[in-house]
PDB file of N, CA and C in Angstrom:
ATOM      1  N   MET A   1     -36.615 -34.366 -34.469  1.00  0.00           N
ATOM      2  CA  MET A   1     -35.275 -34.611 -33.947  1.00  0.00           C
ATOM      3  C   MET A   1     -34.273 -34.694 -35.087  1.00  0.00           C
ATOM      4  N   LYS A   2     -34.739 -35.212 -36.227  1.00  0.00           N
ATOM      5  CA  LYS A   2     -33.844 -35.357 -37.362  1.00  0.00           C
ATOM      6  C   LYS A   2     -33.432 -33.989 -37.919  1.00  0.00           C
ATOM      7  N   THR A   3     -34.349 -33.026 -37.872  1.00  0.00           N
ATOM      8  CA  THR A   3     -34.025 -31.702 -38.398  1.00  0.00           C
ATOM      9  C   THR A   3     -33.009 -30.984 -37.520  1.00  0.00           C
ATOM     10  N   ILE A   4     -33.072 -31.202 -36.211  1.00  0.00           N
ATOM     11  CA  ILE A   4     -32.096 -30.585 -35.305  1.00  0.00           C
ATOM     12  C   ILE A   4     -30.709 -31.151 -35.558  1.00  0.00           C
ATOM     13  N   ALA A   5     -30.610 -32.462 -35.729  1.00  0.00           N
ATOM     14  CA  ALA A   5     -29.313 -33.087 -36.009  1.00  0.00           C
ATOM     15  C   ALA A   5     -28.763 -32.619 -37.347  1.00  0.00           C
ATOM     16  N   ALA A   6     -29.615 -32.469 -38.330  1.00  0.00           N
ATOM     17  CA  ALA A   6     -29.172 -31.986 -39.637  1.00  0.00           C
ATOM     18  C   ALA A   6     -28.717 -30.539 -39.554  1.00  0.00           C
ATOM     19  N   PHE A   7     -29.431 -29.730 -38.783  1.00  0.00           N
ATOM     20  CA  PHE A   7     -29.055 -28.322 -38.626  1.00  0.00           C
ATOM     21  C   PHE A   7     -27.697 -28.194 -37.951  1.00  0.00           C
ATOM     22  N   ILE A   8     -27.457 -28.980 -36.907  1.00  0.00           N
ATOM     23  CA  ILE A   8     -26.184 -28.926 -36.188  1.00  0.00           C
ATOM     24  C   ILE A   8     -25.051 -29.473 -37.056  1.00  0.00           C
ATOM     25  N   SER A   9     -25.317 -30.495 -37.831  1.00  0.00           N
ATOM     26  CA  SER A   9     -24.261 -31.038 -38.687  1.00  0.00           C
ATOM     27  C   SER A   9     -23.898 -30.061 -39.801  1.00  0.00           C
ATOM     28  N   ARG A  10     -24.842 -29.237 -40.231  1.00  0.00           N
ATOM     29  CA  ARG A  10     -24.539 -28.214 -41.240  1.00  0.00           C
ATOM     30  C   ARG A  10     -23.851 -27.006 -40.627  1.00  0.00           C
ATOM     31  N   ASN A  11     -24.029 -26.777 -39.327  1.00  0.00           N
ATOM     32  CA  ASN A  11     -23.468 -25.603 -38.644  1.00  0.00           C
ATOM     33  C   ASN A  11     -22.670 -26.024 -37.409  1.00  0.00           C
ATOM     34  N   PRO A  12     -21.473 -26.558 -37.588  1.00  0.00           N
ATOM     35  CA  PRO A  12     -20.708 -27.015 -36.419  1.00  0.00           C
ATOM     36  C   PRO A  12     -20.174 -25.874 -35.540  1.00  0.00           C
ATOM     37  N   TRP A  13     -20.206 -24.631 -36.040  1.00  0.00           N
ATOM     38  CA  TRP A  13     -19.741 -23.502 -35.251  1.00  0.00           C
ATOM     39  C   TRP A  13     -20.652 -23.221 -34.069  1.00  0.00           C
ATOM     40  N   ILE A  14     -21.840 -23.822 -34.048  1.00  0.00           N
ATOM     41  CA  ILE A  14     -22.758 -23.635 -32.918  1.00  0.00           C
ATOM     42  C   ILE A  14     -22.126 -24.161 -31.624  1.00  0.00           C
ATOM     43  N   TYR A  15     -21.340 -25.242 -31.738  1.00  0.00           N
ATOM     44  CA  TYR A  15     -20.645 -25.768 -30.556  1.00  0.00           C
ATOM     45  C   TYR A  15     -19.644 -24.754 -30.012  1.00  0.00           C
ATOM     46  N   ILE A  16     -18.978 -24.029 -30.882  1.00  0.00           N
ATOM     47  CA  ILE A  16     -18.006 -23.028 -30.454  1.00  0.00           C
ATOM     48  C   ILE A  16     -18.717 -21.882 -29.748  1.00  0.00           C
ATOM     49  N   VAL A  17     -19.829 -21.434 -30.301  1.00  0.00           N
ATOM     50  CA  VAL A  17     -20.602 -20.357 -29.675  1.00  0.00           C
ATOM     51  C   VAL A  17     -21.141 -20.806 -28.326  1.00  0.00           C
ATOM     52  N   LEU A  18     -21.639 -22.028 -28.265  1.00  0.00           N
ATOM     53  CA  LEU A  18     -22.163 -22.559 -27.011  1.00  0.00           C
ATOM     54  C   LEU A  18     -21.065 -22.672 -25.950  1.00  0.00           C
ATOM     55  N   ALA A  19     -19.881 -23.134 -26.350  1.00  0.00           N
ATOM     56  CA  ALA A  19     -18.766 -23.234 -25.411  1.00  0.00           C
ATOM     57  C   ALA A  19     -18.338 -21.856 -24.929  1.00  0.00           C
ATOM     58  N   PHE A  20     -18.335 -20.859 -25.820  1.00  0.00           N
ATOM     59  CA  PHE A  20     -17.964 -19.499 -25.420  1.00  0.00           C
ATOM     60  C   PHE A  20     -18.975 -18.916 -24.444  1.00  0.00           C
ATOM     61  N   VAL A  21     -20.245 -19.139 -24.684  1.00  0.00           N
ATOM     62  CA  VAL A  21     -21.289 -18.644 -23.776  1.00  0.00           C
ATOM     63  C   VAL A  21     -21.173 -19.325 -22.413  1.00  0.00           C
ATOM     64  N   LEU A  22     -20.901 -20.613 -22.423  1.00  0.00           N
ATOM     65  CA  LEU A  22     -20.721 -21.347 -21.165  1.00  0.00           C
ATOM     66  C   LEU A  22     -19.510 -20.831 -20.398  1.00  0.00           C
ATOM     67  N   LEU A  23     -18.412 -20.583 -21.100  1.00  0.00           N
ATOM     68  CA  LEU A  23     -17.209 -20.046 -20.469  1.00  0.00           C
ATOM     69  C   LEU A  23     -17.450 -18.651 -19.907  1.00  0.00           C
ATOM     70  N   LEU A  24     -18.157 -17.825 -20.652  1.00  0.00           N
ATOM     71  CA  LEU A  24     -18.476 -16.481 -20.188  1.00  0.00           C
ATOM     72  C   LEU A  24     -19.351 -16.518 -18.935  1.00  0.00           C
ATOM     73  N   GLY A  25     -20.309 -17.426 -18.903  1.00  0.00           N
ATOM     74  CA  GLY A  25     -21.157 -17.571 -17.722  1.00  0.00           C
ATOM     75  C   GLY A  25     -20.385 -18.050 -16.512  1.00  0.00           C
ATOM     76  N   ALA A  26     -19.453 -18.977 -16.733  1.00  0.00           N
ATOM     77  CA  ALA A  26     -18.639 -19.480 -15.620  1.00  0.00           C
ATOM     78  C   ALA A  26     -17.742 -18.381 -15.061  1.00  0.00           C
ATOM     79  N   TRP A  27     -17.112 -17.620 -15.954  1.00  0.00           N
ATOM     80  CA  TRP A  27     -16.244 -16.533 -15.488  1.00  0.00           C
ATOM     81  C   TRP A  27     -17.033 -15.459 -14.751  1.00  0.00           C
ATOM     82  N   SER A  28     -18.179 -15.087 -15.263  1.00  0.00           N
ATOM     83  CA  SER A  28     -18.968 -14.053 -14.589  1.00  0.00           C
ATOM     84  C   SER A  28     -19.460 -14.534 -13.232  1.00  0.00           C
ATOM     85  N   THR A  29     -19.789 -15.813 -13.111  1.00  0.00           N
ATOM     86  CA  THR A  29     -20.196 -16.359 -11.819  1.00  0.00           C
ATOM     87  C   THR A  29     -19.031 -16.339 -10.832  1.00  0.00           C
ATOM     88  N   LEU A  30     -17.864 -16.770 -11.287  1.00  0.00           N
ATOM     89  CA  LEU A  30     -16.686 -16.764 -10.405  1.00  0.00           C
ATOM     90  C   LEU A  30     -16.317 -15.356  -9.958  1.00  0.00           C
ATOM     91  N   ILE A  31     -16.367 -14.402 -10.863  1.00  0.00           N
ATOM     92  CA  ILE A  31     -16.011 -13.017 -10.510  1.00  0.00           C
ATOM     93  C   ILE A  31     -17.037 -12.430  -9.547  1.00  0.00           C
ATOM     94  N   SER A  32     -18.316 -12.686  -9.779  1.00  0.00           N
ATOM     95  CA  SER A  32     -19.333 -12.130  -8.878  1.00  0.00           C
ATOM     96  C   SER A  32     -19.240 -12.750  -7.484  1.00  0.00           C
ATOM     97  N   VAL A  33     -18.928 -14.036  -7.387  1.00  0.00           N
ATOM     98  CA  VAL A  33     -18.750 -14.668  -6.075  1.00  0.00           C
ATOM     99  C   VAL A  33     -17.509 -14.115  -5.387  1.00  0.00           C
ATOM    100  N   ALA A  34     -16.426 -13.890  -6.147  1.00  0.00           N
ATOM    101  CA  ALA A  34     -15.198 -13.342  -5.569  1.00  0.00           C
ATOM    102  C   ALA A  34     -15.408 -11.920  -5.069  1.00  0.00           C
ATOM    103  N   VAL A  35     -16.194 -11.138  -5.784  1.00  0.00           N
ATOM    104  CA  VAL A  35     -16.470  -9.765  -5.337  1.00  0.00           C
ATOM    105  C   VAL A  35     -17.360  -9.781  -4.105  1.00  0.00           C
ATOM    106  N   LYS A  36     -18.312 -10.680  -4.073  1.00  0.00           N
ATOM    107  CA  LYS A  36     -19.242 -10.744  -2.937  1.00  0.00           C
ATOM    108  C   LYS A  36     -18.532 -11.173  -1.655  1.00  0.00           C
ATOM    109  N   TYR A  37     -17.609 -12.128  -1.754  1.00  0.00           N
ATOM    110  CA  TYR A  37     -16.927 -12.650  -0.577  1.00  0.00           C
ATOM    111  C   TYR A  37     -15.468 -12.197  -0.517  1.00  0.00           C
ATOM    112  N   ALA A  38     -15.215 -10.964  -0.902  1.00  0.00           N
ATOM    113  CA  ALA A  38     -13.855 -10.428  -0.887  1.00  0.00           C
ATOM    114  C   ALA A  38     -13.396 -10.237   0.558  1.00  0.00           C
ATOM    115  N   PRO A  39     -12.098 -10.418   0.824  1.00  0.00           N
ATOM    116  CA  PRO A  39     -11.605 -10.189   2.180  1.00  0.00           C
ATOM    117  C   PRO A  39     -11.639  -8.701   2.520  1.00  0.00           C
ATOM    118  N   GLN A  40     -11.639  -8.418   3.818  1.00  0.00           N
ATOM    119  CA  GLN A  40     -11.670  -7.024   4.249  1.00  0.00           C
ATOM    120  C   GLN A  40     -10.354  -6.334   3.916  1.00  0.00           C
ATOM    121  N   GLN A  41     -10.470  -5.039   3.657  1.00  0.00           N
ATOM    122  CA  GLN A  41      -9.280  -4.244   3.387  1.00  0.00           C
ATOM    123  C   GLN A  41      -8.583  -3.951   4.710  1.00  0.00           C
ATOM    124  N   ILE A  42      -7.282  -4.114   4.736  1.00  0.00           N
ATOM    125  CA  ILE A  42      -6.492  -3.816   5.933  1.00  0.00           C
ATOM    126  C   ILE A  42      -5.595  -2.636   5.612  1.00  0.00           C
ATOM    127  N   GLU A  43      -5.699  -1.598   6.444  1.00  0.00           N
ATOM    128  CA  GLU A  43      -4.907  -0.414   6.213  1.00  0.00           C
ATOM    129  C   GLU A  43      -3.501  -0.610   6.754  1.00  0.00           C
ATOM    130  N   VAL A  44      -2.514  -0.327   5.950  1.00  0.00           N
ATOM    131  CA  VAL A  44      -1.112  -0.472   6.352  1.00  0.00           C
ATOM    132  C   VAL A  44      -0.513   0.912   6.478  1.00  0.00           C
ATOM    133  N   ARG A  45       0.006   1.221   7.672  1.00  0.00           N
ATOM    134  CA  ARG A  45       0.622   2.521   7.887  1.00  0.00           C
ATOM    135  C   ARG A  45       2.128   2.420   7.685  1.00  0.00           C
ATOM    136  N   LYS A  46       2.665   3.459   7.092  1.00  0.00           N
ATOM    137  CA  LYS A  46       4.125   3.485   6.879  1.00  0.00           C
ATOM    138  C   LYS A  46       4.790   4.385   7.878  1.00  0.00           C
TER     139      LYS A  46
END
């Protein structure tokens, strides 16, 4: 456990990478749910 804490303290950019991966996963989940449950297309005549 001590080596993991030392590794993270030497490399604080890991938190930034982890946050970016988490954000990317959240966005991809939201987009895939929005595409799956998209409303029906309604044709508008002029």
